[in-house]
Amino acid sequence: MMTPMGRVGTEQEGVVYQIVVRGEVGESAAEEIGAQRVQPMRGRTLIVVEIIDQAHLHGVLDRLADLNIEIESVNPA
């Protein structure tokens, strides 16, 4: 089995990130970026997502921007 890093037979582990955005994030947007958890918090939303590499992180952040979702913070959990 090939993984994104080209290794055979190994699973690539990711880093869990907490992304805080302004407003609410719908289920379809959360599913689209692979969110593991979405938690509304007083005018903001906490999104928890496992990121496998820097390109994946940029893809998630770019997709949120494409959806006009304003990002407040991005931190590894």
PDB file of N, CA and C in Angstrom:
ATOM      1  N   MET A   1       0.846  -1.177   0.000  1.00  0.00           N
ATOM      2  CA  MET A   1       0.000   0.000   0.000  1.00  0.00           C
ATOM      3  C   MET A   1       0.896   1.246   0.000  1.00  0.00           C
ATOM      4  N   MET A   2       0.624   2.167  -0.886  1.00  0.00           N
ATOM      5  CA  MET A   2       1.401   3.397  -0.962  1.00  0.00           C
ATOM      6  C   MET A   2       0.724   4.484  -0.146  1.00  0.00           C
ATOM      7  N   THR A   3       1.511   5.229   0.595  1.00  0.00           N
ATOM      8  CA  THR A   3       1.010   6.364   1.363  1.00  0.00           C
ATOM      9  C   THR A   3       1.451   7.639   0.667  1.00  0.00           C
ATOM     10  N   PRO A   4       0.908   8.798   1.068  1.00  0.00           N
ATOM     11  CA  PRO A   4       1.307  10.047   0.423  1.00  0.00           C
ATOM     12  C   PRO A   4       2.812  10.322   0.481  1.00  0.00           C
ATOM     13  N   MET A   5       3.509   9.783   1.444  1.00  0.00           N
ATOM     14  CA  MET A   5       4.940  10.023   1.546  1.00  0.00           C
ATOM     15  C   MET A   5       5.742   8.995   0.743  1.00  0.00           C
ATOM     16  N   GLY A   6       5.061   8.057   0.093  1.00  0.00           N
ATOM     17  CA  GLY A   6       5.739   7.082  -0.732  1.00  0.00           C
ATOM     18  C   GLY A   6       6.262   5.868   0.018  1.00  0.00           C
ATOM     19  N   ARG A   7       5.961   5.740   1.278  1.00  0.00           N
ATOM     20  CA  ARG A   7       6.398   4.581   2.054  1.00  0.00           C
ATOM     21  C   ARG A   7       5.396   3.446   1.847  1.00  0.00           C
ATOM     22  N   VAL A   8       5.920   2.252   1.813  1.00  0.00           N
ATOM     23  CA  VAL A   8       5.061   1.092   1.633  1.00  0.00           C
ATOM     24  C   VAL A   8       4.785   0.460   2.988  1.00  0.00           C
ATOM     25  N   GLY A   9       3.489   0.209   3.293  1.00  0.00           N
ATOM     26  CA  GLY A   9       3.118  -0.520   4.488  1.00  0.00           C
ATOM     27  C   GLY A   9       3.118   0.287   5.772  1.00  0.00           C
ATOM     28  N   THR A  10       3.283   1.598   5.709  1.00  0.00           N
ATOM     29  CA  THR A  10       3.252   2.395   6.926  1.00  0.00           C
ATOM     30  C   THR A  10       2.143   3.433   6.817  1.00  0.00           C
ATOM     31  N   GLU A  11       1.597   3.791   7.936  1.00  0.00           N
ATOM     32  CA  GLU A  11       0.562   4.826   7.998  1.00  0.00           C
ATOM     33  C   GLU A  11       1.218   6.123   8.428  1.00  0.00           C
ATOM     34  N   GLN A  12       0.878   7.192   7.729  1.00  0.00           N
ATOM     35  CA  GLN A  12       1.430   8.490   8.093  1.00  0.00           C
ATOM     36  C   GLN A  12       0.573   9.082   9.203  1.00  0.00           C
ATOM     37  N   GLU A  13       1.216   9.495  10.286  1.00  0.00           N
ATOM     38  CA  GLU A  13       0.493  10.101  11.397  1.00  0.00           C
ATOM     39  C   GLU A  13       0.451  11.598  11.202  1.00  0.00           C
ATOM     40  N   GLY A  14      -0.678  12.170  11.582  1.00  0.00           N
ATOM     41  CA  GLY A  14      -0.832  13.608  11.462  1.00  0.00           C
ATOM     42  C   GLY A  14      -0.746  14.289  12.805  1.00  0.00           C
ATOM     43  N   VAL A  15      -0.859  15.600  12.747  1.00  0.00           N
ATOM     44  CA  VAL A  15      -0.876  16.435  13.936  1.00  0.00           C
ATOM     45  C   VAL A  15      -2.271  17.036  14.042  1.00  0.00           C
ATOM     46  N   VAL A  16      -2.850  16.971  15.215  1.00  0.00           N
ATOM     47  CA  VAL A  16      -4.182  17.540  15.422  1.00  0.00           C
ATOM     48  C   VAL A  16      -4.041  19.050  15.611  1.00  0.00           C
ATOM     49  N   TYR A  17      -4.820  19.798  14.846  1.00  0.00           N
ATOM     50  CA  TYR A  17      -4.827  21.253  14.933  1.00  0.00           C
ATOM     51  C   TYR A  17      -6.180  21.738  15.420  1.00  0.00           C
ATOM     52  N   GLN A  18      -6.149  22.845  16.150  1.00  0.00           N
ATOM     53  CA  GLN A  18      -7.361  23.544  16.544  1.00  0.00           C
ATOM     54  C   GLN A  18      -7.397  24.842  15.746  1.00  0.00           C
ATOM     55  N   ILE A  19      -8.454  24.998  14.967  1.00  0.00           N
ATOM     56  CA  ILE A  19      -8.628  26.191  14.151  1.00  0.00           C
ATOM     57  C   ILE A  19      -9.854  26.925  14.689  1.00  0.00           C
ATOM     58  N   VAL A  20      -9.687  28.178  15.071  1.00  0.00           N
ATOM     59  CA  VAL A  20     -10.803  28.988  15.555  1.00  0.00           C
ATOM     60  C   VAL A  20     -11.174  29.963  14.451  1.00  0.00           C
ATOM     61  N   VAL A  21     -12.459  29.979  14.104  1.00  0.00           N
ATOM     62  CA  VAL A  21     -12.960  30.867  13.059  1.00  0.00           C
ATOM     63  C   VAL A  21     -14.099  31.712  13.605  1.00  0.00           C
ATOM     64  N   ARG A  22     -14.376  32.815  12.943  1.00  0.00           N
ATOM     65  CA  ARG A  22     -15.500  33.663  13.346  1.00  0.00           C
ATOM     66  C   ARG A  22     -16.787  33.103  12.776  1.00  0.00           C
ATOM     67  N   GLY A  23     -17.858  33.211  13.560  1.00  0.00           N
ATOM     68  CA  GLY A  23     -19.164  32.749  13.108  1.00  0.00           C
ATOM     69  C   GLY A  23     -19.334  31.258  13.257  1.00  0.00           C
ATOM     70  N   GLU A  24     -20.352  30.753  12.578  1.00  0.00           N
ATOM     71  CA  GLU A  24     -20.665  29.322  12.644  1.00  0.00           C
ATOM     72  C   GLU A  24     -20.214  28.623  11.367  1.00  0.00           C
ATOM     73  N   VAL A  25     -19.816  27.378  11.517  1.00  0.00           N
ATOM     74  CA  VAL A  25     -19.408  26.554  10.387  1.00  0.00           C
ATOM     75  C   VAL A  25     -20.437  25.446  10.220  1.00  0.00           C
ATOM     76  N   GLY A  26     -20.973  25.338   9.025  1.00  0.00           N
ATOM     77  CA  GLY A  26     -21.976  24.308   8.748  1.00  0.00           C
ATOM     78  C   GLY A  26     -21.362  22.926   8.631  1.00  0.00           C
ATOM     79  N   GLU A  27     -22.232  21.926   8.716  1.00  0.00           N
ATOM     80  CA  GLU A  27     -21.779  20.531   8.642  1.00  0.00           C
ATOM     81  C   GLU A  27     -21.086  20.218   7.330  1.00  0.00           C
ATOM     82  N   SER A  28     -21.612  20.740   6.221  1.00  0.00           N
ATOM     83  CA  SER A  28     -21.013  20.423   4.922  1.00  0.00           C
ATOM     84  C   SER A  28     -19.596  20.977   4.818  1.00  0.00           C
ATOM     85  N   ALA A  29     -19.365  22.184   5.318  1.00  0.00           N
ATOM     86  CA  ALA A  29     -18.017  22.763   5.300  1.00  0.00           C
ATOM     87  C   ALA A  29     -17.088  21.961   6.198  1.00  0.00           C
ATOM     88  N   ALA A  30     -17.575  21.568   7.359  1.00  0.00           N
ATOM     89  CA  ALA A  30     -16.767  20.783   8.294  1.00  0.00           C
ATOM     90  C   ALA A  30     -16.380  19.440   7.687  1.00  0.00           C
ATOM     91  N   GLU A  31     -17.319  18.791   7.035  1.00  0.00           N
ATOM     92  CA  GLU A  31     -17.033  17.509   6.387  1.00  0.00           C
ATOM     93  C   GLU A  31     -16.041  17.686   5.251  1.00  0.00           C
ATOM     94  N   GLU A  32     -16.184  18.763   4.513  1.00  0.00           N
ATOM     95  CA  GLU A  32     -15.325  19.030   3.362  1.00  0.00           C
ATOM     96  C   GLU A  32     -13.853  19.153   3.748  1.00  0.00           C
ATOM     97  N   ILE A  33     -13.576  19.715   4.910  1.00  0.00           N
ATOM     98  CA  ILE A  33     -12.183  19.867   5.331  1.00  0.00           C
ATOM     99  C   ILE A  33     -11.717  18.721   6.231  1.00  0.00           C
ATOM    100  N   GLY A  34     -12.592  17.753   6.490  1.00  0.00           N
ATOM    101  CA  GLY A  34     -12.215  16.590   7.282  1.00  0.00           C
ATOM    102  C   GLY A  34     -12.173  16.846   8.773  1.00  0.00           C
ATOM    103  N   ALA A  35     -12.995  17.769   9.249  1.00  0.00           N
ATOM    104  CA  ALA A  35     -13.012  18.098  10.677  1.00  0.00           C
ATOM    105  C   ALA A  35     -13.408  16.883  11.507  1.00  0.00           C
ATOM    106  N   GLN A  36     -12.686  16.685  12.595  1.00  0.00           N
ATOM    107  CA  GLN A  36     -13.015  15.610  13.527  1.00  0.00           C
ATOM    108  C   GLN A  36     -14.030  16.087  14.554  1.00  0.00           C
ATOM    109  N   ARG A  37     -14.014  17.393  14.823  1.00  0.00           N
ATOM    110  CA  ARG A  37     -14.951  17.967  15.789  1.00  0.00           C
ATOM    111  C   ARG A  37     -15.177  19.430  15.435  1.00  0.00           C
ATOM    112  N   VAL A  38     -16.408  19.877  15.641  1.00  0.00           N
ATOM    113  CA  VAL A  38     -16.770  21.277  15.442  1.00  0.00           C
ATOM    114  C   VAL A  38     -17.544  21.705  16.679  1.00  0.00           C
ATOM    115  N   GLN A  39     -17.083  22.767  17.333  1.00  0.00           N
ATOM    116  CA  GLN A  39     -17.709  23.204  18.582  1.00  0.00           C
ATOM    117  C   GLN A  39     -17.990  24.710  18.521  1.00  0.00           C
ATOM    118  N   PRO A  40     -19.271  25.095  18.485  1.00  0.00           N
ATOM    119  CA  PRO A  40     -19.608  26.526  18.532  1.00  0.00           C
ATOM    120  C   PRO A  40     -19.231  27.115  19.883  1.00  0.00           C
ATOM    121  N   MET A  41     -18.754  28.395  19.862  1.00  0.00           N
ATOM    122  CA  MET A  41     -18.365  29.067  21.096  1.00  0.00           C
ATOM    123  C   MET A  41     -18.596  30.578  20.940  1.00  0.00           C
ATOM    124  N   ARG A  42     -19.707  31.083  21.397  1.00  0.00           N
ATOM    125  CA  ARG A  42     -20.008  32.522  21.452  1.00  0.00           C
ATOM    126  C   ARG A  42     -19.506  33.330  20.257  1.00  0.00           C
ATOM    127  N   GLY A  43     -20.115  33.122  19.112  1.00  0.00           N
ATOM    128  CA  GLY A  43     -19.745  33.892  17.929  1.00  0.00           C
ATOM    129  C   GLY A  43     -18.530  33.371  17.188  1.00  0.00           C
ATOM    130  N   ARG A  44     -17.992  32.272  17.655  1.00  0.00           N
ATOM    131  CA  ARG A  44     -16.842  31.640  17.015  1.00  0.00           C
ATOM    132  C   ARG A  44     -17.106  30.139  16.923  1.00  0.00           C
ATOM    133  N   THR A  45     -16.251  29.465  16.183  1.00  0.00           N
ATOM    134  CA  THR A  45     -16.338  28.012  16.095  1.00  0.00           C
ATOM    135  C   THR A  45     -14.943  27.428  16.211  1.00  0.00           C
ATOM    136  N   LEU A  46     -14.803  26.406  17.033  1.00  0.00           N
ATOM    137  CA  LEU A  46     -13.559  25.646  17.147  1.00  0.00           C
ATOM    138  C   LEU A  46     -13.666  24.449  16.217  1.00  0.00           C
ATOM    139  N   ILE A  47     -12.689  24.317  15.340  1.00  0.00           N
ATOM    140  CA  ILE A  47     -12.630  23.187  14.414  1.00  0.00           C
ATOM    141  C   ILE A  47     -11.390  22.384  14.775  1.00  0.00           C
ATOM    142  N   VAL A  48     -11.563  21.088  14.973  1.00  0.00           N
ATOM    143  CA  VAL A  48     -10.441  20.197  15.266  1.00  0.00           C
ATOM    144  C   VAL A  48     -10.266  19.289  14.062  1.00  0.00           C
ATOM    145  N   VAL A  49      -9.052  19.292  13.516  1.00  0.00           N
ATOM    146  CA  VAL A  49      -8.782  18.505  12.311  1.00  0.00           C
ATOM    147  C   VAL A  49      -7.368  17.935  12.383  1.00  0.00           C
ATOM    148  N   GLU A  50      -7.212  16.712  11.917  1.00  0.00           N
ATOM    149  CA  GLU A  50      -5.889  16.089  11.866  1.00  0.00           C
ATOM    150  C   GLU A  50      -5.235  16.449  10.535  1.00  0.00           C
ATOM    151  N   ILE A  51      -4.035  16.993  10.616  1.00  0.00           N
ATOM    152  CA  ILE A  51      -3.305  17.467   9.443  1.00  0.00           C
ATOM    153  C   ILE A  51      -2.097  16.555   9.225  1.00  0.00           C
ATOM    154  N   ILE A  52      -1.925  16.076   7.991  1.00  0.00           N
ATOM    155  CA  ILE A  52      -0.836  15.124   7.742  1.00  0.00           C
ATOM    156  C   ILE A  52       0.478  15.786   7.334  1.00  0.00           C
ATOM    157  N   ASP A  53       0.409  16.977   6.732  1.00  0.00           N
ATOM    158  CA  ASP A  53       1.635  17.686   6.369  1.00  0.00           C
ATOM    159  C   ASP A  53       1.302  19.149   6.082  1.00  0.00           C
ATOM    160  N   GLN A  54       2.326  19.932   5.785  1.00  0.00           N
ATOM    161  CA  GLN A  54       2.134  21.366   5.592  1.00  0.00           C
ATOM    162  C   GLN A  54       1.235  21.658   4.394  1.00  0.00           C
ATOM    163  N   ALA A  55       1.358  20.892   3.334  1.00  0.00           N
ATOM    164  CA  ALA A  55       0.507  21.097   2.161  1.00  0.00           C
ATOM    165  C   ALA A  55      -0.963  20.868   2.516  1.00  0.00           C
ATOM    166  N   HIS A  56      -1.232  19.868   3.341  1.00  0.00           N
ATOM    167  CA  HIS A  56      -2.594  19.585   3.780  1.00  0.00           C
ATOM    168  C   HIS A  56      -3.135  20.752   4.602  1.00  0.00           C
ATOM    169  N   LEU A  57      -2.307  21.284   5.511  1.00  0.00           N
ATOM    170  CA  LEU A  57      -2.723  22.427   6.320  1.00  0.00           C
ATOM    171  C   LEU A  57      -3.071  23.613   5.435  1.00  0.00           C
ATOM    172  N   HIS A  58      -2.218  23.909   4.469  1.00  0.00           N
ATOM    173  CA  HIS A  58      -2.499  25.026   3.563  1.00  0.00           C
ATOM    174  C   HIS A  58      -3.774  24.786   2.766  1.00  0.00           C
ATOM    175  N   GLY A  59      -4.015  23.549   2.371  1.00  0.00           N
ATOM    176  CA  GLY A  59      -5.240  23.218   1.649  1.00  0.00           C
ATOM    177  C   GLY A  59      -6.489  23.467   2.483  1.00  0.00           C
ATOM    178  N   VAL A  60      -6.446  23.066   3.755  1.00  0.00           N
ATOM    179  CA  VAL A  60      -7.577  23.282   4.660  1.00  0.00           C
ATOM    180  C   VAL A  60      -7.817  24.783   4.855  1.00  0.00           C
ATOM    181  N   LEU A  61      -6.747  25.532   5.103  1.00  0.00           N
ATOM    182  CA  LEU A  61      -6.886  26.971   5.320  1.00  0.00           C
ATOM    183  C   LEU A  61      -7.369  27.678   4.052  1.00  0.00           C
ATOM    184  N   ASP A  62      -6.863  27.256   2.906  1.00  0.00           N
ATOM    185  CA  ASP A  62      -7.320  27.831   1.638  1.00  0.00           C
ATOM    186  C   ASP A  62      -8.793  27.548   1.401  1.00  0.00           C
ATOM    187  N   ARG A  63      -9.229  26.338   1.736  1.00  0.00           N
ATOM    188  CA  ARG A  63     -10.644  25.985   1.534  1.00  0.00           C
ATOM    189  C   ARG A  63     -11.538  26.819   2.447  1.00  0.00           C
ATOM    190  N   LEU A  64     -11.132  27.018   3.689  1.00  0.00           N
ATOM    191  CA  LEU A  64     -11.902  27.875   4.589  1.00  0.00           C
ATOM    192  C   LEU A  64     -11.996  29.288   4.019  1.00  0.00           C
ATOM    193  N   ALA A  65     -10.895  29.803   3.485  1.00  0.00           N
ATOM    194  CA  ALA A  65     -10.898  31.139   2.882  1.00  0.00           C
ATOM    195  C   ALA A  65     -11.826  31.170   1.672  1.00  0.00           C
ATOM    196  N   ASP A  66     -11.812  30.121   0.855  1.00  0.00           N
ATOM    197  CA  ASP A  66     -12.701  30.036  -0.311  1.00  0.00           C
ATOM    198  C   ASP A  66     -14.168  30.096   0.109  1.00  0.00           C
ATOM    199  N   LEU A  67     -14.463  29.572   1.298  1.00  0.00           N
ATOM    200  CA  LEU A  67     -15.839  29.560   1.821  1.00  0.00           C
ATOM    201  C   LEU A  67     -16.163  30.854   2.582  1.00  0.00           C
ATOM    202  N   ASN A  68     -15.254  31.830   2.506  1.00  0.00           N
ATOM    203  CA  ASN A  68     -15.421  33.123   3.196  1.00  0.00           C
ATOM    204  C   ASN A  68     -15.550  32.958   4.708  1.00  0.00           C
ATOM    205  N   ILE A  69     -14.804  32.008   5.250  1.00  0.00           N
ATOM    206  CA  ILE A  69     -14.778  31.788   6.695  1.00  0.00           C
ATOM    207  C   ILE A  69     -13.515  32.456   7.225  1.00  0.00           C
ATOM    208  N   GLU A  70     -13.687  33.410   8.135  1.00  0.00           N
ATOM    209  CA  GLU A  70     -12.570  34.180   8.668  1.00  0.00           C
ATOM    210  C   GLU A  70     -11.865  33.401   9.770  1.00  0.00           C
ATOM    211  N   ILE A  71     -10.582  33.177   9.582  1.00  0.00           N
ATOM    212  CA  ILE A  71      -9.774  32.412  10.523  1.00  0.00           C
ATOM    213  C   ILE A  71      -9.190  33.347  11.582  1.00  0.00           C
ATOM    214  N   GLU A  72      -9.393  32.986  12.848  1.00  0.00           N
ATOM    215  CA  GLU A  72      -8.819  33.768  13.960  1.00  0.00           C
ATOM    216  C   GLU A  72      -7.501  33.197  14.440  1.00  0.00           C
ATOM    217  N   SER A  73      -7.419  31.875  14.560  1.00  0.00           N
ATOM    218  CA  SER A  73      -6.181  31.266  15.039  1.00  0.00           C
ATOM    219  C   SER A  73      -6.058  29.833  14.547  1.00  0.00           C
ATOM    220  N   VAL A  74      -4.804  29.395  14.444  1.00  0.00           N
ATOM    221  CA  VAL A  74      -4.481  28.031  14.041  1.00  0.00           C
ATOM    222  C   VAL A  74      -3.355  27.563  14.941  1.00  0.00           C
ATOM    223  N   ASN A  75      -3.607  26.496  15.706  1.00  0.00           N
ATOM    224  CA  ASN A  75      -2.612  26.008  16.662  1.00  0.00           C
ATOM    225  C   ASN A  75      -2.625  24.487  16.721  1.00  0.00           C
ATOM    226  N   PRO A  76      -1.439  23.872  16.847  1.00  0.00           N
ATOM    227  CA  PRO A  76      -1.433  22.433  17.113  1.00  0.00           C
ATOM    228  C   PRO A  76      -2.026  22.188  18.485  1.00  0.00           C
ATOM    229  N   ALA A  77      -2.783  21.115  18.608  1.00  0.00           N
ATOM    230  CA  ALA A  77      -3.442  20.804  19.893  1.00  0.00           C
ATOM    231  C   ALA A  77      -2.474  20.172  20.859  1.00  0.00           C
TER     232      ALA A  77
END
